[in-house]
Amino acid sequence: MLDAPSVPLEAQAASSLLRTGDHEPYLKGYSDGTFRPSTMMTRAEAAQMLYALLREPVTGETPRFTDVRSGSWYAPAVAALTSLEVLEGFPDGTFRPNETITRAAFVTVVTRCFDLEPGTASFTDVASTSWAYEAIAAATSMGWIEGVGDGTFQPNRGIRRSEAVTVMNRALGRTGEGFAANRGAQQFSDVPTTHWAYLQITEAA
């Protein structure tokens, strides 16, 4: 796994829908002082996270899904990212905001925010005919994702919050000076300094 994108950040940022290279927070913890790093991210949370990172704000869009009420906290994010063709719903007209977003789906929506070159991937459980292969291959070639240690990617498993911020930080080019600069002040009760994603979570939050 690469620690930084293989495409120069300047070129990547020029075609990105998202802000790259800064260190502003984009994902919060919970009111009880936890981050819940092992909790699976929902589709609504993924939408809100990307919405917070948009380079140019998108407002005034109306949610067009039967299960996304206009007053819900995630409605503006879902509406904006749908209008940008980053997010999609389901054939029955729903968005299913409270469902877990899979690893394949998360990688797909992140790659839609960038203009990436085709890549290759050799995970044993991601066939070249898979609907998500191109996104997974591009993200792999960029150094944004890796497998789970046994040659698989587990595309249909939900993505954990700790995994999601790790992918996002890599995609956003959040490395080097300024990375997790407030690491001494991060005090999520369930994220000790020994946690594998401690710095990634600190950078995101």
Protein backbone atom coordinates (compact mmCIF):
# COMPACT_ATOMS: atom_id res chain seq x y z
CA MET A 1 0.00 0.00 0.00
CA LEU A 2 1.27 3.40 -0.91
CA ASP A 3 1.17 6.16 1.69
CA ALA A 4 0.32 8.86 -0.87
CA PRO A 5 -1.42 9.05 -4.25
CA SER A 6 0.71 8.01 -7.22
CA VAL A 7 -0.69 10.91 -9.25
CA PRO A 8 0.69 14.35 -8.26
CA LEU A 9 -1.69 16.03 -5.84
CA GLU A 10 -1.74 19.22 -7.92
CA ALA A 11 -3.08 17.35 -10.94
CA GLN A 12 -5.48 15.35 -8.82
CA ALA A 13 -6.84 18.44 -7.06
CA ALA A 14 -7.50 20.28 -10.30
CA SER A 15 -10.16 17.77 -11.28
CA SER A 16 -11.53 17.02 -7.82
CA LEU A 17 -15.00 17.84 -6.55
CA LEU A 18 -13.49 17.81 -3.06
CA ARG A 19 -11.06 20.02 -1.20
CA THR A 20 -7.62 18.44 -1.18
CA GLY A 21 -4.48 19.13 0.78
CA ASP A 22 -5.96 21.03 3.73
CA HIS A 23 -6.47 19.72 7.24
CA GLU A 24 -9.94 20.96 8.15
CA PRO A 25 -12.14 18.49 10.09
CA TYR A 26 -14.73 16.66 8.04
CA LEU A 27 -16.15 13.96 10.34
CA LYS A 28 -17.34 14.35 13.92
CA GLY A 29 -17.53 12.00 16.84
CA TYR A 30 -20.65 11.40 18.92
CA SER A 31 -22.12 13.38 21.79
CA ASP A 32 -20.98 10.76 24.28
CA GLY A 33 -17.33 11.44 23.47
CA THR A 34 -16.82 8.38 21.28
CA PHE A 35 -15.85 8.01 17.65
CA ARG A 36 -16.94 4.37 17.27
CA PRO A 37 -14.13 3.40 14.90
CA SER A 38 -15.39 -0.15 14.37
CA THR A 39 -18.98 0.89 13.68
CA MET A 40 -20.05 0.45 10.09
CA MET A 41 -20.65 3.73 8.27
CA THR A 42 -24.15 4.35 6.96
CA ARG A 43 -25.03 5.68 3.56
CA ALA A 44 -26.29 8.90 5.17
CA GLU A 45 -23.01 9.36 7.07
CA ALA A 46 -20.99 8.80 3.91
CA ALA A 47 -23.09 11.40 2.10
CA GLN A 48 -22.62 13.94 4.88
CA MET A 49 -18.87 13.34 5.01
CA LEU A 50 -18.44 13.98 1.28
CA TYR A 51 -20.78 16.97 1.46
CA ALA A 52 -18.57 18.55 4.12
CA LEU A 53 -15.60 18.20 1.76
CA LEU A 54 -17.12 19.70 -1.39
CA ARG A 55 -14.86 22.27 -3.02
CA GLU A 56 -17.88 24.29 -4.16
CA PRO A 57 -21.08 24.27 -2.07
CA VAL A 58 -24.20 22.90 -3.72
CA THR A 59 -27.47 24.18 -2.27
CA GLY A 60 -31.09 24.39 -3.27
CA GLU A 61 -31.37 20.82 -4.48
CA THR A 62 -34.35 18.75 -3.36
CA PRO A 63 -34.05 15.11 -2.30
CA ARG A 64 -35.84 12.90 -4.81
CA PHE A 65 -35.94 9.69 -2.80
CA THR A 66 -39.07 8.46 -1.09
CA ASP A 67 -37.22 7.75 2.17
CA VAL A 68 -35.26 11.01 2.43
CA ARG A 69 -37.37 13.66 4.14
CA SER A 70 -36.46 17.25 3.28
CA GLY A 71 -35.96 18.08 6.97
CA SER A 72 -33.59 15.23 7.78
CA TRP A 73 -30.01 16.09 8.75
CA TYR A 74 -28.58 14.28 5.72
CA ALA A 75 -31.09 15.53 3.12
CA PRO A 76 -28.98 18.46 1.79
CA ALA A 77 -25.96 16.16 1.43
CA VAL A 78 -27.90 13.45 -0.37
CA ALA A 79 -29.56 15.98 -2.68
CA ALA A 80 -26.30 17.74 -3.52
CA LEU A 81 -24.28 14.62 -4.18
CA THR A 82 -27.08 13.09 -6.21
CA SER A 83 -27.14 16.20 -8.40
CA LEU A 84 -23.39 15.80 -8.90
CA GLU A 85 -23.93 12.15 -9.89
CA VAL A 86 -21.71 10.95 -7.07
CA LEU A 87 -24.51 9.14 -5.23
CA GLU A 88 -27.27 6.97 -6.60
CA GLY A 89 -30.38 5.46 -5.12
CA PHE A 90 -32.04 2.13 -5.71
CA PRO A 91 -34.44 1.09 -8.49
CA ASP A 92 -37.40 1.30 -6.09
CA GLY A 93 -36.86 5.02 -5.60
CA THR A 94 -35.26 4.79 -2.17
CA PHE A 95 -31.86 5.88 -0.90
CA ARG A 96 -31.82 3.72 2.26
CA PRO A 97 -29.87 6.26 4.35
CA ASN A 98 -29.60 4.07 7.43
CA GLU A 99 -28.19 1.06 5.64
CA THR A 100 -24.50 0.30 5.90
CA ILE A 101 -22.48 1.41 2.91
CA THR A 102 -20.36 -1.43 1.56
CA ARG A 103 -16.64 -1.19 0.91
CA ALA A 104 -17.29 -1.43 -2.83
CA ALA A 105 -19.93 1.29 -2.77
CA PHE A 106 -17.82 3.61 -0.63
CA VAL A 107 -14.80 3.31 -2.89
CA THR A 108 -17.04 3.88 -5.91
CA VAL A 109 -18.52 7.14 -4.63
CA VAL A 110 -15.11 8.45 -3.57
CA THR A 111 -13.58 7.75 -6.98
CA ARG A 112 -16.48 9.56 -8.65
CA CYS A 113 -15.22 12.73 -6.98
CA PHE A 114 -11.96 12.58 -8.92
CA ASP A 115 -10.89 12.25 -12.53
CA LEU A 116 -8.75 9.13 -12.27
CA GLU A 117 -6.86 7.03 -14.76
CA PRO A 118 -7.86 3.37 -15.10
CA GLY A 119 -6.05 1.04 -12.76
CA THR A 120 -5.68 -2.63 -11.99
CA ALA A 121 -6.57 -4.76 -9.01
CA SER A 122 -5.89 -8.40 -8.26
CA PHE A 123 -8.13 -9.16 -5.31
CA THR A 124 -9.37 -12.73 -5.48
CA ASP A 125 -12.94 -11.69 -4.68
CA VAL A 126 -13.21 -8.78 -7.15
CA ALA A 127 -13.70 -10.07 -10.66
CA SER A 128 -12.90 -7.86 -13.63
CA THR A 129 -16.59 -8.13 -14.52
CA SER A 130 -17.72 -6.73 -11.15
CA TRP A 131 -19.79 -3.53 -11.27
CA ALA A 132 -17.26 -1.93 -8.88
CA TYR A 133 -14.08 -3.24 -10.50
CA GLU A 134 -13.08 -0.02 -12.28
CA ALA A 135 -13.46 2.04 -9.10
CA ILE A 136 -11.65 -0.49 -6.93
CA ALA A 137 -8.87 -0.83 -9.52
CA ALA A 138 -8.41 2.94 -9.82
CA ALA A 139 -8.36 3.41 -6.05
CA THR A 140 -5.90 0.54 -5.66
CA SER A 141 -3.54 2.00 -8.25
CA MET A 142 -3.74 5.38 -6.49
CA GLY A 143 -2.74 3.78 -3.21
CA TRP A 144 -6.00 4.63 -1.48
CA ILE A 145 -7.10 1.10 -0.57
CA GLU A 146 -5.72 -2.28 0.26
CA GLY A 147 -7.10 -5.70 0.95
CA VAL A 148 -7.60 -7.43 4.25
CA GLY A 149 -4.38 -9.46 4.29
CA ASP A 150 -5.55 -12.65 2.62
CA GLY A 151 -5.69 -11.42 -0.96
CA THR A 152 -9.33 -10.39 -0.73
CA PHE A 153 -11.02 -6.99 -0.62
CA GLN A 154 -14.37 -8.06 0.84
CA PRO A 155 -16.31 -5.63 -1.36
CA ASN A 156 -19.71 -6.53 0.06
CA ARG A 157 -18.76 -6.00 3.70
CA GLY A 158 -19.68 -2.71 5.32
CA ILE A 159 -16.89 -0.18 5.71
CA ARG A 160 -15.93 0.78 9.25
CA ARG A 161 -15.65 4.44 10.21
CA SER A 162 -11.92 3.99 10.85
CA GLU A 163 -11.47 2.46 7.39
CA ALA A 164 -13.51 5.19 5.73
CA VAL A 165 -11.42 8.04 7.11
CA THR A 166 -8.22 6.23 6.17
CA VAL A 167 -9.36 5.99 2.56
CA MET A 168 -10.53 9.62 2.58
CA ASN A 169 -7.29 10.97 4.03
CA ARG A 170 -5.29 9.19 1.34
CA ALA A 171 -7.61 10.38 -1.41
CA LEU A 172 -7.45 13.96 -0.14
CA GLY A 173 -3.67 13.99 -0.01
CA ARG A 174 -3.61 14.61 3.73
CA THR A 175 -0.02 13.76 4.44
CA GLY A 176 3.15 15.49 5.59
CA GLU A 177 3.24 18.68 7.59
CA GLY A 178 -0.03 19.40 9.35
CA PHE A 179 -1.23 15.80 9.33
CA ALA A 180 -3.05 15.04 12.61
CA ALA A 181 -1.51 18.17 14.06
CA ASN A 182 -3.85 18.15 17.05
CA ARG A 183 -3.07 14.56 17.97
CA GLY A 184 -2.30 15.56 21.55
CA ALA A 185 -5.77 17.02 22.03
CA GLN A 186 -7.81 14.23 20.49
CA GLN A 187 -9.70 12.58 23.32
CA PHE A 188 -12.23 10.13 21.95
CA SER A 189 -12.76 7.68 24.78
CA ASP A 190 -12.77 4.68 22.44
CA VAL A 191 -9.73 5.63 20.35
CA PRO A 192 -6.55 5.19 22.38
CA THR A 193 -3.23 6.33 20.96
CA THR A 194 -2.43 2.67 20.31
CA HIS A 195 -5.36 2.24 17.93
CA TRP A 196 -4.17 1.47 14.41
CA ALA A 197 -6.18 4.38 12.98
CA TYR A 198 -5.56 6.88 15.78
CA LEU A 199 -3.77 9.40 13.56
CA GLN A 200 -6.19 8.92 10.67
CA ILE A 201 -9.16 9.55 12.97
CA THR A 202 -7.44 12.55 14.52
CA GLU A 203 -6.84 14.02 11.06
CA ALA A 204 -10.47 13.55 10.06
CA ALA A 205 -12.02 14.85 13.27
